[in-house]
Amino acid sequence: MSGKGSKQTVLSQLLTLDLSDYDIIEIQVGPDPRGPVRCLQCQQAFKPGEVWRRLKSPPDPEFGSYAVGIHSKCPSTAA
C-alpha cells in the first residue's frame, strides 16, 4: 500500500480551492492597515500586541464584502 493516490488528490483539490467564496477568520496581533480599527463588541481600538480575530465575509454581488474585528478577550455571549 503506497498511500500516494488519496493524498495527492486531496492536496490538488486544496490547491485549486477558491477561498474568495468562503468567509475567513484570521487571528491578528495589533492593528492591521486593512482594517477594521475597532472591536465590534467593546468599540475599543486595536492596540499593538492585542490579539483579535478578523472575520471577513465572502463577496456579495450587490454589497461587496466586509470585515469586522473582535478582541479575543471580549466575551462571545452577552451576560
PDB file of N, CA and C in Angstrom:
ATOM      1  N   MET A   1       0.845  -1.176   0.000  1.00  0.00           N
ATOM      2  CA  MET A   1       0.000   0.000   0.000  1.00  0.00           C
ATOM      3  C   MET A   1       0.895   1.247   0.000  1.00  0.00           C
ATOM      4  N   SER A   2       0.841   2.019  -1.054  1.00  0.00           N
ATOM      5  CA  SER A   2       1.737   3.167  -1.171  1.00  0.00           C
ATOM      6  C   SER A   2       1.138   4.429  -0.543  1.00  0.00           C
ATOM      7  N   GLY A   3      -0.184   4.589  -0.595  1.00  0.00           N
ATOM      8  CA  GLY A   3      -0.831   5.749   0.007  1.00  0.00           C
ATOM      9  C   GLY A   3      -0.674   7.032  -0.782  1.00  0.00           C
ATOM     10  N   LYS A   4      -0.227   6.962  -2.009  1.00  0.00           N
ATOM     11  CA  LYS A   4       0.006   8.170  -2.799  1.00  0.00           C
ATOM     12  C   LYS A   4      -1.273   8.738  -3.401  1.00  0.00           C
ATOM     13  N   GLY A   5      -2.185   7.907  -3.818  1.00  0.00           N
ATOM     14  CA  GLY A   5      -3.363   8.351  -4.560  1.00  0.00           C
ATOM     15  C   GLY A   5      -4.244   9.324  -3.819  1.00  0.00           C
ATOM     16  N   SER A   6      -4.647   9.000  -2.604  1.00  0.00           N
ATOM     17  CA  SER A   6      -5.597   9.852  -1.899  1.00  0.00           C
ATOM     18  C   SER A   6      -4.950  11.153  -1.432  1.00  0.00           C
ATOM     19  N   LYS A   7      -3.695  11.130  -0.989  1.00  0.00           N
ATOM     20  CA  LYS A   7      -3.056  12.350  -0.503  1.00  0.00           C
ATOM     21  C   LYS A   7      -2.835  13.339  -1.646  1.00  0.00           C
ATOM     22  N   GLN A   8      -2.425  12.881  -2.789  1.00  0.00           N
ATOM     23  CA  GLN A   8      -2.219  13.777  -3.914  1.00  0.00           C
ATOM     24  C   GLN A   8      -3.542  14.357  -4.400  1.00  0.00           C
ATOM     25  N   THR A   9      -4.590  13.559  -4.382  1.00  0.00           N
ATOM     26  CA  THR A   9      -5.896  14.042  -4.819  1.00  0.00           C
ATOM     27  C   THR A   9      -6.399  15.138  -3.889  1.00  0.00           C
ATOM     28  N   VAL A  10      -6.293  14.929  -2.581  1.00  0.00           N
ATOM     29  CA  VAL A  10      -6.759  15.927  -1.616  1.00  0.00           C
ATOM     30  C   VAL A  10      -5.916  17.191  -1.728  1.00  0.00           C
ATOM     31  N   LEU A  11      -4.617  17.045  -1.852  1.00  0.00           N
ATOM     32  CA  LEU A  11      -3.747  18.213  -1.966  1.00  0.00           C
ATOM     33  C   LEU A  11      -4.057  19.012  -3.228  1.00  0.00           C
ATOM     34  N   SER A  12      -4.259  18.339  -4.333  1.00  0.00           N
ATOM     35  CA  SER A  12      -4.570  19.065  -5.570  1.00  0.00           C
ATOM     36  C   SER A  12      -5.925  19.765  -5.463  1.00  0.00           C
ATOM     37  N   GLN A  13      -6.883  19.162  -4.754  1.00  0.00           N
ATOM     38  CA  GLN A  13      -8.175  19.811  -4.559  1.00  0.00           C
ATOM     39  C   GLN A  13      -8.031  21.049  -3.674  1.00  0.00           C
ATOM     40  N   LEU A  14      -7.198  20.981  -2.638  1.00  0.00           N
ATOM     41  CA  LEU A  14      -6.992  22.132  -1.761  1.00  0.00           C
ATOM     42  C   LEU A  14      -6.292  23.268  -2.493  1.00  0.00           C
ATOM     43  N   LEU A  15      -5.362  22.944  -3.365  1.00  0.00           N
ATOM     44  CA  LEU A  15      -4.648  23.984  -4.093  1.00  0.00           C
ATOM     45  C   LEU A  15      -5.538  24.697  -5.092  1.00  0.00           C
ATOM     46  N   THR A  16      -6.552  24.028  -5.607  1.00  0.00           N
ATOM     47  CA  THR A  16      -7.455  24.645  -6.575  1.00  0.00           C
ATOM     48  C   THR A  16      -8.672  25.289  -5.910  1.00  0.00           C
ATOM     49  N   LEU A  17      -8.769  25.217  -4.588  1.00  0.00           N
ATOM     50  CA  LEU A  17      -9.899  25.772  -3.855  1.00  0.00           C
ATOM     51  C   LEU A  17      -9.859  27.294  -3.912  1.00  0.00           C
ATOM     52  N   ASP A  18     -10.952  27.924  -4.297  1.00  0.00           N
ATOM     53  CA  ASP A  18     -11.047  29.376  -4.374  1.00  0.00           C
ATOM     54  C   ASP A  18     -11.561  29.903  -3.035  1.00  0.00           C
ATOM     55  N   LEU A  19     -10.672  30.484  -2.226  1.00  0.00           N
ATOM     56  CA  LEU A  19     -11.043  30.942  -0.896  1.00  0.00           C
ATOM     57  C   LEU A  19     -11.920  32.182  -0.913  1.00  0.00           C
ATOM     58  N   SER A  20     -12.046  32.835  -2.040  1.00  0.00           N
ATOM     59  CA  SER A  20     -12.885  34.030  -2.090  1.00  0.00           C
ATOM     60  C   SER A  20     -14.366  33.696  -1.989  1.00  0.00           C
ATOM     61  N   ASP A  21     -14.724  32.417  -2.097  1.00  0.00           N
ATOM     62  CA  ASP A  21     -16.123  32.010  -1.979  1.00  0.00           C
ATOM     63  C   ASP A  21     -16.533  31.728  -0.539  1.00  0.00           C
ATOM     64  N   TYR A  22     -15.613  31.809   0.409  1.00  0.00           N
ATOM     65  CA  TYR A  22     -15.888  31.425   1.787  1.00  0.00           C
ATOM     66  C   TYR A  22     -15.577  32.576   2.733  1.00  0.00           C
ATOM     67  N   ASP A  23     -16.242  32.546   3.904  1.00  0.00           N
ATOM     68  CA  ASP A  23     -15.875  33.517   4.920  1.00  0.00           C
ATOM     69  C   ASP A  23     -14.577  33.046   5.561  1.00  0.00           C
ATOM     70  N   ILE A  24     -13.775  34.000   6.016  1.00  0.00           N
ATOM     71  CA  ILE A  24     -12.447  33.693   6.526  1.00  0.00           C
ATOM     72  C   ILE A  24     -12.282  34.335   7.899  1.00  0.00           C
ATOM     73  N   ILE A  25     -11.693  33.578   8.831  1.00  0.00           N
ATOM     74  CA  ILE A  25     -11.356  34.096  10.151  1.00  0.00           C
ATOM     75  C   ILE A  25      -9.842  34.103  10.256  1.00  0.00           C
ATOM     76  N   GLU A  26      -9.279  35.285  10.528  1.00  0.00           N
ATOM     77  CA  GLU A  26      -7.833  35.434  10.679  1.00  0.00           C
ATOM     78  C   GLU A  26      -7.529  35.877  12.106  1.00  0.00           C
ATOM     79  N   ILE A  27      -6.511  35.286  12.702  1.00  0.00           N
ATOM     80  CA  ILE A  27      -6.045  35.732  14.007  1.00  0.00           C
ATOM     81  C   ILE A  27      -5.026  36.851  13.764  1.00  0.00           C
ATOM     82  N   GLN A  28      -5.232  37.979  14.420  1.00  0.00           N
ATOM     83  CA  GLN A  28      -4.376  39.147  14.239  1.00  0.00           C
ATOM     84  C   GLN A  28      -3.753  39.533  15.573  1.00  0.00           C
ATOM     85  N   VAL A  29      -2.601  40.175  15.521  1.00  0.00           N
ATOM     86  CA  VAL A  29      -1.962  40.749  16.703  1.00  0.00           C
ATOM     87  C   VAL A  29      -1.645  42.196  16.368  1.00  0.00           C
ATOM     88  N   GLY A  30      -2.238  43.100  17.120  1.00  0.00           N
ATOM     89  CA  GLY A  30      -2.043  44.524  16.867  1.00  0.00           C
ATOM     90  C   GLY A  30      -2.900  45.013  15.718  1.00  0.00           C
ATOM     91  N   PRO A  31      -2.886  46.319  15.469  1.00  0.00           N
ATOM     92  CA  PRO A  31      -3.716  46.885  14.406  1.00  0.00           C
ATOM     93  C   PRO A  31      -3.280  46.397  13.024  1.00  0.00           C
ATOM     94  N   ASP A  32      -4.230  46.320  12.127  1.00  0.00           N
ATOM     95  CA  ASP A  32      -3.975  45.880  10.754  1.00  0.00           C
ATOM     96  C   ASP A  32      -4.365  47.025   9.819  1.00  0.00           C
ATOM     97  N   PRO A  33      -3.503  47.408   8.871  1.00  0.00           N
ATOM     98  CA  PRO A  33      -3.846  48.521   7.985  1.00  0.00           C
ATOM     99  C   PRO A  33      -5.056  48.238   7.099  1.00  0.00           C
ATOM    100  N   ARG A  34      -5.399  46.965   6.896  1.00  0.00           N
ATOM    101  CA  ARG A  34      -6.585  46.638   6.091  1.00  0.00           C
ATOM    102  C   ARG A  34      -7.871  46.902   6.851  1.00  0.00           C
ATOM    103  N   GLY A  35      -7.778  47.079   8.174  1.00  0.00           N
ATOM    104  CA  GLY A  35      -8.965  47.301   8.985  1.00  0.00           C
ATOM    105  C   GLY A  35      -9.524  45.997   9.476  1.00  0.00           C
ATOM    106  N   PRO A  36     -10.484  46.049  10.290  1.00  0.00           N
ATOM    107  CA  PRO A  36     -11.142  47.177  10.945  1.00  0.00           C
ATOM    108  C   PRO A  36     -10.259  47.795  12.026  1.00  0.00           C
ATOM    109  N   VAL A  37     -10.686  48.941  12.535  1.00  0.00           N
ATOM    110  CA  VAL A  37      -9.896  49.690  13.505  1.00  0.00           C
ATOM    111  C   VAL A  37     -10.346  49.395  14.922  1.00  0.00           C
ATOM    112  N   ARG A  38     -11.644  49.119  15.108  1.00  0.00           N
ATOM    113  CA  ARG A  38     -12.214  48.924  16.452  1.00  0.00           C
ATOM    114  C   ARG A  38     -12.895  47.563  16.580  1.00  0.00           C
ATOM    115  N   CYS A  39     -12.997  47.119  17.831  1.00  0.00           N
ATOM    116  CA  CYS A  39     -13.688  45.866  18.153  1.00  0.00           C
ATOM    117  C   CYS A  39     -15.196  46.065  17.995  1.00  0.00           C
ATOM    118  N   LEU A  40     -15.849  45.100  17.422  1.00  0.00           N
ATOM    119  CA  LEU A  40     -17.289  45.180  17.210  1.00  0.00           C
ATOM    120  C   LEU A  40     -18.055  45.149  18.532  1.00  0.00           C
ATOM    121  N   GLN A  41     -17.539  44.438  19.545  1.00  0.00           N
ATOM    122  CA  GLN A  41     -18.272  44.301  20.804  1.00  0.00           C
ATOM    123  C   GLN A  41     -18.006  45.430  21.790  1.00  0.00           C
ATOM    124  N   CYS A  42     -16.740  45.741  22.039  1.00  0.00           N
ATOM    125  CA  CYS A  42     -16.441  46.737  23.067  1.00  0.00           C
ATOM    126  C   CYS A  42     -16.147  48.121  22.495  1.00  0.00           C
ATOM    127  N   GLN A  43     -16.015  48.256  21.178  1.00  0.00           N
ATOM    128  CA  GLN A  43     -15.764  49.518  20.487  1.00  0.00           C
ATOM    129  C   GLN A  43     -14.426  50.159  20.846  1.00  0.00           C
ATOM    130  N   GLN A  44     -13.494  49.382  21.423  1.00  0.00           N
ATOM    131  CA  GLN A  44     -12.157  49.880  21.727  1.00  0.00           C
ATOM    132  C   GLN A  44     -11.254  49.642  20.518  1.00  0.00           C
ATOM    133  N   ALA A  45     -10.334  50.557  20.284  1.00  0.00           N
ATOM    134  CA  ALA A  45      -9.396  50.419  19.165  1.00  0.00           C
ATOM    135  C   ALA A  45      -8.431  49.270  19.440  1.00  0.00           C
ATOM    136  N   PHE A  46      -7.961  48.618  18.370  1.00  0.00           N
ATOM    137  CA  PHE A  46      -6.981  47.554  18.499  1.00  0.00           C
ATOM    138  C   PHE A  46      -5.621  48.172  18.750  1.00  0.00           C
ATOM    139  N   LYS A  47      -4.957  47.752  19.823  1.00  0.00           N
ATOM    140  CA  LYS A  47      -3.666  48.303  20.221  1.00  0.00           C
ATOM    141  C   LYS A  47      -2.554  47.327  19.856  1.00  0.00           C
ATOM    142  N   PRO A  48      -1.323  47.820  19.733  1.00  0.00           N
ATOM    143  CA  PRO A  48      -0.208  46.923  19.436  1.00  0.00           C
ATOM    144  C   PRO A  48      -0.088  45.826  20.501  1.00  0.00           C
ATOM    145  N   GLY A  49       0.069  44.597  20.066  1.00  0.00           N
ATOM    146  CA  GLY A  49       0.219  43.463  20.965  1.00  0.00           C
ATOM    147  C   GLY A  49      -1.081  42.788  21.356  1.00  0.00           C
ATOM    148  N   GLU A  50      -2.239  43.396  21.078  1.00  0.00           N
ATOM    149  CA  GLU A  50      -3.521  42.770  21.414  1.00  0.00           C
ATOM    150  C   GLU A  50      -3.885  41.723  20.372  1.00  0.00           C
ATOM    151  N   VAL A  51      -4.423  40.615  20.854  1.00  0.00           N
ATOM    152  CA  VAL A  51      -4.850  39.541  19.965  1.00  0.00           C
ATOM    153  C   VAL A  51      -6.329  39.718  19.665  1.00  0.00           C
ATOM    154  N   TRP A  52      -6.677  39.613  18.381  1.00  0.00           N
ATOM    155  CA  TRP A  52      -8.071  39.757  17.974  1.00  0.00           C
ATOM    156  C   TRP A  52      -8.317  38.932  16.719  1.00  0.00           C
ATOM    157  N   ARG A  53      -9.591  38.746  16.385  1.00  0.00           N
ATOM    158  CA  ARG A  53      -9.977  37.976  15.197  1.00  0.00           C
ATOM    159  C   ARG A  53     -10.556  38.912  14.154  1.00  0.00           C
ATOM    160  N   ARG A  54     -10.112  38.750  12.923  1.00  0.00           N
ATOM    161  CA  ARG A  54     -10.662  39.492  11.783  1.00  0.00           C
ATOM    162  C   ARG A  54     -11.552  38.525  11.026  1.00  0.00           C
ATOM    163  N   LEU A  55     -12.838  38.837  10.934  1.00  0.00           N
ATOM    164  CA  LEU A  55     -13.811  38.000  10.251  1.00  0.00           C
ATOM    165  C   LEU A  55     -14.201  38.682   8.949  1.00  0.00           C
ATOM    166  N   LYS A  56     -13.921  38.032   7.834  1.00  0.00           N
ATOM    167  CA  LYS A  56     -14.191  38.603   6.513  1.00  0.00           C
ATOM    168  C   LYS A  56     -15.290  37.793   5.841  1.00  0.00           C
ATOM    169  N   SER A  57     -16.245  38.485   5.270  1.00  0.00           N
ATOM    170  CA  SER A  57     -17.364  37.818   4.601  1.00  0.00           C
ATOM    171  C   SER A  57     -16.979  37.433   3.180  1.00  0.00           C
ATOM    172  N   PRO A  58     -17.678  36.451   2.621  1.00  0.00           N
ATOM    173  CA  PRO A  58     -17.478  36.190   1.189  1.00  0.00           C
ATOM    174  C   PRO A  58     -18.055  37.346   0.385  1.00  0.00           C
ATOM    175  N   PRO A  59     -17.559  37.573  -0.815  1.00  0.00           N
ATOM    176  CA  PRO A  59     -18.068  38.707  -1.596  1.00  0.00           C
ATOM    177  C   PRO A  59     -19.525  38.508  -2.008  1.00  0.00           C
ATOM    178  N   ASP A  60     -20.295  39.573  -1.909  1.00  0.00           N
ATOM    179  CA  ASP A  60     -21.691  39.572  -2.306  1.00  0.00           C
ATOM    180  C   ASP A  60     -21.788  40.402  -3.575  1.00  0.00           C
ATOM    181  N   PRO A  61     -22.516  39.939  -4.596  1.00  0.00           N
ATOM    182  CA  PRO A  61     -22.576  40.711  -5.846  1.00  0.00           C
ATOM    183  C   PRO A  61     -23.175  42.107  -5.680  1.00  0.00           C
ATOM    184  N   GLU A  62     -24.064  42.269  -4.720  1.00  0.00           N
ATOM    185  CA  GLU A  62     -24.727  43.563  -4.557  1.00  0.00           C
ATOM    186  C   GLU A  62     -23.991  44.476  -3.570  1.00  0.00           C
ATOM    187  N   PHE A  63     -23.525  43.916  -2.457  1.00  0.00           N
ATOM    188  CA  PHE A  63     -22.960  44.734  -1.390  1.00  0.00           C
ATOM    189  C   PHE A  63     -21.441  44.613  -1.249  1.00  0.00           C
ATOM    190  N   GLY A  64     -20.790  43.730  -1.962  1.00  0.00           N
ATOM    191  CA  GLY A  64     -19.353  43.538  -1.818  1.00  0.00           C
ATOM    192  C   GLY A  64     -19.046  42.674  -0.603  1.00  0.00           C
ATOM    193  N   SER A  65     -17.867  42.827  -0.027  1.00  0.00           N
ATOM    194  CA  SER A  65     -17.518  42.079   1.176  1.00  0.00           C
ATOM    195  C   SER A  65     -17.205  43.061   2.301  1.00  0.00           C
ATOM    196  N   TYR A  66     -17.194  42.568   3.515  1.00  0.00           N
ATOM    197  CA  TYR A  66     -16.912  43.406   4.670  1.00  0.00           C
ATOM    198  C   TYR A  66     -16.085  42.607   5.668  1.00  0.00           C
ATOM    199  N   ALA A  67     -15.465  43.305   6.597  1.00  0.00           N
ATOM    200  CA  ALA A  67     -14.677  42.661   7.639  1.00  0.00           C
ATOM    201  C   ALA A  67     -15.003  43.321   8.973  1.00  0.00           C
ATOM    202  N   VAL A  68     -15.078  42.519  10.016  1.00  0.00           N
ATOM    203  CA  VAL A  68     -15.267  43.009  11.378  1.00  0.00           C
ATOM    204  C   VAL A  68     -14.176  42.406  12.245  1.00  0.00           C
ATOM    205  N   GLY A  69     -13.888  43.046  13.354  1.00  0.00           N
ATOM    206  CA  GLY A  69     -12.879  42.564  14.275  1.00  0.00           C
ATOM    207  C   GLY A  69     -13.438  42.437  15.674  1.00  0.00           C
ATOM    208  N   ILE A  70     -12.977  41.410  16.399  1.00  0.00           N
ATOM    209  CA  ILE A  70     -13.419  41.169  17.771  1.00  0.00           C
ATOM    210  C   ILE A  70     -12.197  40.781  18.596  1.00  0.00           C
ATOM    211  N   HIS A  71     -11.995  41.459  19.732  1.00  0.00           N
ATOM    212  CA  HIS A  71     -10.913  41.094  20.637  1.00  0.00           C
ATOM    213  C   HIS A  71     -11.088  39.652  21.114  1.00  0.00           C
ATOM    214  N   SER A  72      -9.992  38.983  21.352  1.00  0.00           N
ATOM    215  CA  SER A  72     -10.087  37.629  21.907  1.00  0.00           C
ATOM    216  C   SER A  72     -10.509  37.675  23.385  1.00  0.00           C
ATOM    217  N   LYS A  73     -10.281  38.822  24.052  1.00  0.00           N
ATOM    218  CA  LYS A  73     -10.661  38.959  25.459  1.00  0.00           C
ATOM    219  C   LYS A  73     -12.140  39.303  25.653  1.00  0.00           C
ATOM    220  N   CYS A  74     -12.815  39.778  24.628  1.00  0.00           N
ATOM    221  CA  CYS A  74     -14.232  40.116  24.727  1.00  0.00           C
ATOM    222  C   CYS A  74     -15.059  38.835  24.803  1.00  0.00           C
ATOM    223  N   PRO A  75     -16.061  38.820  25.657  1.00  0.00           N
ATOM    224  CA  PRO A  75     -16.888  37.600  25.759  1.00  0.00           C
ATOM    225  C   PRO A  75     -17.661  37.350  24.476  1.00  0.00           C
ATOM    226  N   SER A  76     -17.887  36.077  24.171  1.00  0.00           N
ATOM    227  CA  SER A  76     -18.589  35.731  22.930  1.00  0.00           C
ATOM    228  C   SER A  76     -20.105  35.858  23.077  1.00  0.00           C
ATOM    229  N   THR A  77     -20.618  35.825  24.300  1.00  0.00           N
ATOM    230  CA  THR A  77     -22.060  35.995  24.512  1.00  0.00           C
ATOM    231  C   THR A  77     -22.297  37.066  25.566  1.00  0.00           C
ATOM    232  N   ALA A  78     -23.434  37.702  25.490  1.00  0.00           N
ATOM    233  CA  ALA A  78     -23.789  38.725  26.465  1.00  0.00           C
ATOM    234  C   ALA A  78     -24.162  38.073  27.780  1.00  0.00           C
ATOM    235  N   ALA A  79     -23.807  38.691  28.887  1.00  0.00           N
ATOM    236  CA  ALA A  79     -24.088  38.120  30.204  1.00  0.00           C
ATOM    237  C   ALA A  79     -25.539  38.292  30.573  1.00  0.00           C
TER     238      ALA A  79
END
